[in-house]
C-alpha atoms as a PDB file:
ATOM      1  CA  MET A   1      -0.150  16.468 -11.170  1.00  0.00           C
ATOM      2  CA  THR A   2       0.405  19.585  -9.176  1.00  0.00           C
ATOM      3  CA  LYS A   3       3.657  20.886  -7.762  1.00  0.00           C
ATOM      4  CA  ASP A   4       3.330  20.134  -4.067  1.00  0.00           C
ATOM      5  CA  ALA A   5       5.697  19.393  -1.236  1.00  0.00           C
ATOM      6  CA  PRO A   6       7.404  15.997  -1.569  1.00  0.00           C
ATOM      7  CA  VAL A   7       5.433  13.112  -0.111  1.00  0.00           C
ATOM      8  CA  SER A   8       7.344  11.193   2.544  1.00  0.00           C
ATOM      9  CA  LEU A   9       7.394   7.413   2.648  1.00  0.00           C
ATOM     10  CA  ALA A  10       5.334   7.361   5.837  1.00  0.00           C
ATOM     11  CA  LYS A  11       2.722   9.711   4.352  1.00  0.00           C
ATOM     12  CA  ALA A  12       2.462   7.709   1.101  1.00  0.00           C
ATOM     13  CA  VAL A  13       2.055   4.445   3.026  1.00  0.00           C
ATOM     14  CA  TRP A  14      -0.524   6.010   5.379  1.00  0.00           C
ATOM     15  CA  ARG A  15      -2.498   7.440   2.456  1.00  0.00           C
ATOM     16  CA  GLY A  16      -2.474   4.024   0.811  1.00  0.00           C
ATOM     17  CA  PHE A  17      -3.538   2.374   4.081  1.00  0.00           C
ATOM     18  CA  ARG A  18      -6.512   4.755   4.201  1.00  0.00           C
ATOM     19  CA  GLY A  19      -7.408   3.811   0.606  1.00  0.00           C
ATOM     20  CA  ARG A  20      -6.384   7.168  -0.866  1.00  0.00           C
ATOM     21  CA  CYS A  21      -4.045   8.118  -3.676  1.00  0.00           C
ATOM     22  CA  PRO A  22      -0.453   8.129  -2.348  1.00  0.00           C
ATOM     23  CA  HIS A  23       0.312  11.265  -4.379  1.00  0.00           C
ATOM     24  CA  CYS A  24      -2.493  13.643  -3.453  1.00  0.00           C
ATOM     25  CA  GLY A  25      -4.322  11.848  -0.631  1.00  0.00           C
ATOM     26  CA  GLU A  26      -7.682  12.753  -2.188  1.00  0.00           C
ATOM     27  CA  GLY A  27      -8.600  10.230  -4.885  1.00  0.00           C
ATOM     28  CA  ARG A  28      -9.870   6.748  -4.113  1.00  0.00           C
ATOM     29  CA  LEU A  29      -7.272   4.005  -4.490  1.00  0.00           C
ATOM     30  CA  PHE A  30      -9.813   1.160  -4.746  1.00  0.00           C
ATOM     31  CA  PRO A  31     -12.937   1.327  -6.917  1.00  0.00           C
ATOM     32  CA  ARG A  32     -13.721  -2.239  -5.727  1.00  0.00           C
ATOM     33  CA  PHE A  33     -12.559  -4.337  -2.768  1.00  0.00           C
ATOM     34  CA  LEU A  34      -9.030  -5.211  -3.970  1.00  0.00           C
ATOM     35  CA  LYS A  35      -9.024  -3.651  -7.450  1.00  0.00           C
ATOM     36  CA  VAL A  36      -6.580  -0.738  -7.611  1.00  0.00           C
ATOM     37  CA  ALA A  37      -7.764   2.201  -9.708  1.00  0.00           C
ATOM     38  CA  HIS A  38      -6.077   2.717 -13.087  1.00  0.00           C
ATOM     39  CA  ASP A  39      -5.310   6.313 -12.129  1.00  0.00           C
ATOM     40  CA  CYS A  40      -6.297   8.814  -9.464  1.00  0.00           C
ATOM     41  CA  ASP A  41      -9.577  10.565 -10.178  1.00  0.00           C
ATOM     42  CA  ALA A  42      -8.377  13.662  -8.282  1.00  0.00           C
ATOM     43  CA  CYS A  43      -4.806  14.258  -9.513  1.00  0.00           C
ATOM     44  CA  GLY A  44      -4.443  11.869 -12.468  1.00  0.00           C
ATOM     45  CA  GLU A  45      -1.467   9.946 -11.027  1.00  0.00           C
ATOM     46  CA  GLU A  46      -1.094   6.579 -12.767  1.00  0.00           C
ATOM     47  CA  LEU A  47      -1.607   3.738 -10.307  1.00  0.00           C
ATOM     48  CA  PHE A  48      -1.846   0.750 -12.628  1.00  0.00           C
ATOM     49  CA  HIS A  49       1.886   0.056 -12.235  1.00  0.00           C
ATOM     50  CA  GLN A  50       1.416  -1.498  -8.807  1.00  0.00           C
ATOM     51  CA  ARG A  51       2.492  -5.103  -8.291  1.00  0.00           C
ATOM     52  CA  ALA A  52       1.344  -5.891  -4.772  1.00  0.00           C
ATOM     53  CA  ASP A  53       0.548  -9.505  -5.777  1.00  0.00           C
ATOM     54  CA  ASP A  54       0.348 -11.795  -2.709  1.00  0.00           C
ATOM     55  CA  PHE A  55       2.449  -9.696  -0.337  1.00  0.00           C
ATOM     56  CA  PRO A  56      -0.538  -8.003   1.384  1.00  0.00           C
ATOM     57  CA  ALA A  57      -2.104 -11.412   2.057  1.00  0.00           C
ATOM     58  CA  TYR A  58       1.149 -12.687   3.558  1.00  0.00           C
ATOM     59  CA  LEU A  59       1.369  -9.643   5.823  1.00  0.00           C
ATOM     60  CA  VAL A  60      -2.253 -10.048   6.919  1.00  0.00           C
ATOM     61  CA  ILE A  61      -1.657 -13.722   7.741  1.00  0.00           C
ATOM     62  CA  VAL A  62       1.342 -12.775   9.881  1.00  0.00           C
ATOM     63  CA  LEU A  63      -0.442  -9.911  11.653  1.00  0.00           C
ATOM     64  CA  VAL A  64      -3.688 -11.746  12.324  1.00  0.00           C
ATOM     65  CA  GLY A  65      -1.848 -14.920  13.276  1.00  0.00           C
ATOM     66  CA  HIS A  66       0.319 -13.051  15.783  1.00  0.00           C
ATOM     67  CA  ALA A  67      -2.784 -11.487  17.333  1.00  0.00           C
ATOM     68  CA  VAL A  68      -5.213 -14.404  17.293  1.00  0.00           C
ATOM     69  CA  VAL A  69      -2.965 -17.350  18.235  1.00  0.00           C
ATOM     70  CA  PRO A  70      -1.787 -15.861  21.556  1.00  0.00           C
ATOM     71  CA  ALA A  71      -5.401 -14.934  22.356  1.00  0.00           C
ATOM     72  CA  ILE A  72      -6.533 -18.491  21.628  1.00  0.00           C
ATOM     73  CA  LEU A  73      -3.783 -19.896  23.822  1.00  0.00           C
ATOM     74  CA  ALA A  74      -4.536 -17.472  26.657  1.00  0.00           C
ATOM     75  CA  VAL A  75      -8.241 -18.334  26.607  1.00  0.00           C
ATOM     76  CA  GLU A  76      -7.432 -22.038  26.472  1.00  0.00           C
ATOM     77  CA  MET A  77      -5.033 -21.826  29.425  1.00  0.00           C
ATOM     78  CA  ALA A  78      -7.322 -19.645  31.548  1.00  0.00           C
ATOM     79  CA  TYR A  79     -10.756 -21.150  30.850  1.00  0.00           C
ATOM     80  CA  ALA A  80     -10.352 -24.368  28.800  1.00  0.00           C
ATOM     81  CA  PRO A  81     -13.629 -23.890  26.860  1.00  0.00           C
ATOM     82  CA  PRO A  82     -14.938 -26.684  24.617  1.00  0.00           C
ATOM     83  CA  VAL A  83     -13.388 -26.965  21.165  1.00  0.00           C
ATOM     84  CA  ALA A  84     -16.726 -26.181  19.492  1.00  0.00           C
ATOM     85  CA  LEU A  85     -16.915 -22.875  21.378  1.00  0.00           C
ATOM     86  CA  GLN A  86     -13.311 -22.046  20.486  1.00  0.00           C
ATOM     87  CA  LEU A  87     -14.063 -22.660  16.802  1.00  0.00           C
ATOM     88  CA  ALA A  88     -17.317 -20.695  16.978  1.00  0.00           C
ATOM     89  CA  VAL A  89     -15.479 -17.685  18.376  1.00  0.00           C
ATOM     90  CA  TRP A  90     -12.037 -17.716  16.766  1.00  0.00           C
ATOM     91  CA  LEU A  91     -12.877 -18.647  13.177  1.00  0.00           C
ATOM     92  CA  PRO A  92     -15.163 -15.614  12.666  1.00  0.00           C
ATOM     93  CA  VAL A  93     -12.681 -13.360  14.509  1.00  0.00           C
ATOM     94  CA  THR A  94      -9.896 -14.536  12.222  1.00  0.00           C
ATOM     95  CA  LEU A  95     -12.008 -14.167   9.080  1.00  0.00           C
ATOM     96  CA  ILE A  96     -13.268 -10.691   9.960  1.00  0.00           C
ATOM     97  CA  ALA A  97      -9.823  -9.448  10.997  1.00  0.00           C
ATOM     98  CA  SER A  98      -8.269 -10.812   7.806  1.00  0.00           C
ATOM     99  CA  LEU A  99     -10.864  -9.251   5.527  1.00  0.00           C
ATOM    100  CA  ALA A 100     -10.732  -5.951   7.422  1.00  0.00           C
ATOM    101  CA  LEU A 101      -6.940  -5.684   7.062  1.00  0.00           C
ATOM    102  CA  LEU A 102      -6.527  -6.934   3.498  1.00  0.00           C
ATOM    103  CA  GLN A 103      -7.498  -3.759   1.602  1.00  0.00           C
ATOM    104  CA  PRO A 104      -5.634  -1.326   3.900  1.00  0.00           C
ATOM    105  CA  THR A 105      -2.528  -3.517   3.735  1.00  0.00           C
ATOM    106  CA  LYS A 106      -2.674  -3.638  -0.058  1.00  0.00           C
ATOM    107  CA  GLY A 107      -3.097   0.136  -0.136  1.00  0.00           C
ATOM    108  CA  ALA A 108      -0.045   0.566   2.094  1.00  0.00           C
ATOM    109  CA  ILE A 109       2.008  -1.656  -0.234  1.00  0.00           C
ATOM    110  CA  VAL A 110       0.866   0.384  -3.253  1.00  0.00           C
ATOM    111  CA  GLY A 111       1.875   3.570  -1.392  1.00  0.00           C
ATOM    112  CA  LEU A 112       5.277   2.034  -0.613  1.00  0.00           C
ATOM    113  CA  GLN A 113       5.811   1.043  -4.244  1.00  0.00           C
ATOM    114  CA  TRP A 114       4.697   4.464  -5.488  1.00  0.00           C
ATOM    115  CA  GLN A 115       6.926   6.468  -3.144  1.00  0.00           C
ATOM    116  CA  THR A 116      10.045   4.321  -3.655  1.00  0.00           C
ATOM    117  CA  GLY A 117       9.604   4.123  -7.438  1.00  0.00           C
ATOM    118  CA  MET A 118       9.260   0.353  -7.628  1.00  0.00           C
ATOM    119  CA  HIS A 119       8.118  -1.332 -10.840  1.00  0.00           C
ATOM    120  CA  GLY A 120       6.472   1.090 -13.280  1.00  0.00           C
ATOM    121  CA  PHE A 121       6.431   3.894 -10.719  1.00  0.00           C
ATOM    122  CA  ALA A 122      10.128   4.636 -11.428  1.00  0.00           C
ATOM    123  CA  GLU A 123       9.368   7.201 -14.139  1.00  0.00           C
ATOM    124  CA  ALA A 124       6.866   9.052 -11.933  1.00  0.00           C
ATOM    125  CA  LYS A 125       9.358   9.070  -9.049  1.00  0.00           C
ATOM    126  CA  ALA A 126      12.077  10.438 -11.327  1.00  0.00           C
ATOM    127  CA  ARG A 127       9.723  13.231 -12.448  1.00  0.00           C
ATOM    128  CA  ARG A 128       8.897  14.042  -8.815  1.00  0.00           C
ATOM    129  CA  ASP A 129      12.576  14.050  -7.874  1.00  0.00           C
ATOM    130  CA  CYS A 130      13.388  16.382 -10.767  1.00  0.00           C
ATOM    131  CA  ALA A 131      10.554  18.707  -9.823  1.00  0.00           C
ATOM    132  CA  ASP A 132      11.881  18.784  -6.253  1.00  0.00           C
ATOM    133  CA  ALA A 133      15.416  19.495  -7.475  1.00  0.00           C
ATOM    134  CA  GLY A 134      14.329  22.481  -9.548  1.00  0.00           C
ATOM    135  CA  SER A 135      15.218  22.940 -13.194  1.00  0.00           C
ATOM    136  CA  THR A 136      16.630  19.497 -13.877  1.00  0.00           C
ATOM    137  CA  SER A 137      15.024  17.618 -16.751  1.00  0.00           C
ATOM    138  CA  ILE A 138      14.846  13.876 -17.235  1.00  0.00           C
ATOM    139  CA  GLU A 139      15.226  11.564 -20.194  1.00  0.00           C
ATOM    140  CA  MET A 140      14.277   7.912 -20.134  1.00  0.00           C
ATOM    141  CA  THR A 141      17.137   5.808 -21.557  1.00  0.00           C
ATOM    142  CA  ASP A 142      15.398   2.430 -21.335  1.00  0.00           C
ATOM    143  CA  SER A 143      12.563   0.858 -19.374  1.00  0.00           C
ATOM    144  CA  HIS A 144      14.445   0.910 -16.060  1.00  0.00           C
ATOM    145  CA  SER A 145      16.944   3.746 -16.089  1.00  0.00           C
ATOM    146  CA  PHE A 146      16.863   7.505 -16.418  1.00  0.00           C
ATOM    147  CA  ARG A 147      19.419  10.138 -17.305  1.00  0.00           C
ATOM    148  CA  ARG A 148      19.228  13.591 -15.734  1.00  0.00           C
ATOM    149  CA  HIS A 149      20.066  16.689 -17.689  1.00  0.00           C
ATOM    150  CA  HIS A 150      21.226  19.830 -15.935  1.00  0.00           C
ATOM    151  CA  PRO A 151      20.843  23.001 -17.970  1.00  0.00           C
ATOM    152  CA  ALA A 152      24.037  24.946 -18.557  1.00  0.00           C
END
């Protein structure tokens, strides 16, 4: 890891949405469709701590549902096409939109977890915070808490 300017929450989420490492913005976040890389190939940041689980899928369902359902209703009210035509149009639209948003949404969640120090990212966040603060060092007291040391 290099000493760079702190990464804001919005920047980390945007980098994740674009499929890039939330730390450096260069390395690929996904070697396969939904498989998050173990670590960044550009800066070495550990990414295996992420626990996005089903949350990206839930967000995609909400987003696509809020876009597609009103469109279906508007088309139905304005034109009343046959049900077979509605299914032929809206099922592929829903499928394509869902698949197109799933990876970027998962990347955004990984960026959110990384920047806020959720799950295993807490130690990395503490190191970044100490580096931003200057000469403060950090000691891990257990798996979830840290103690800062200020030199005398």
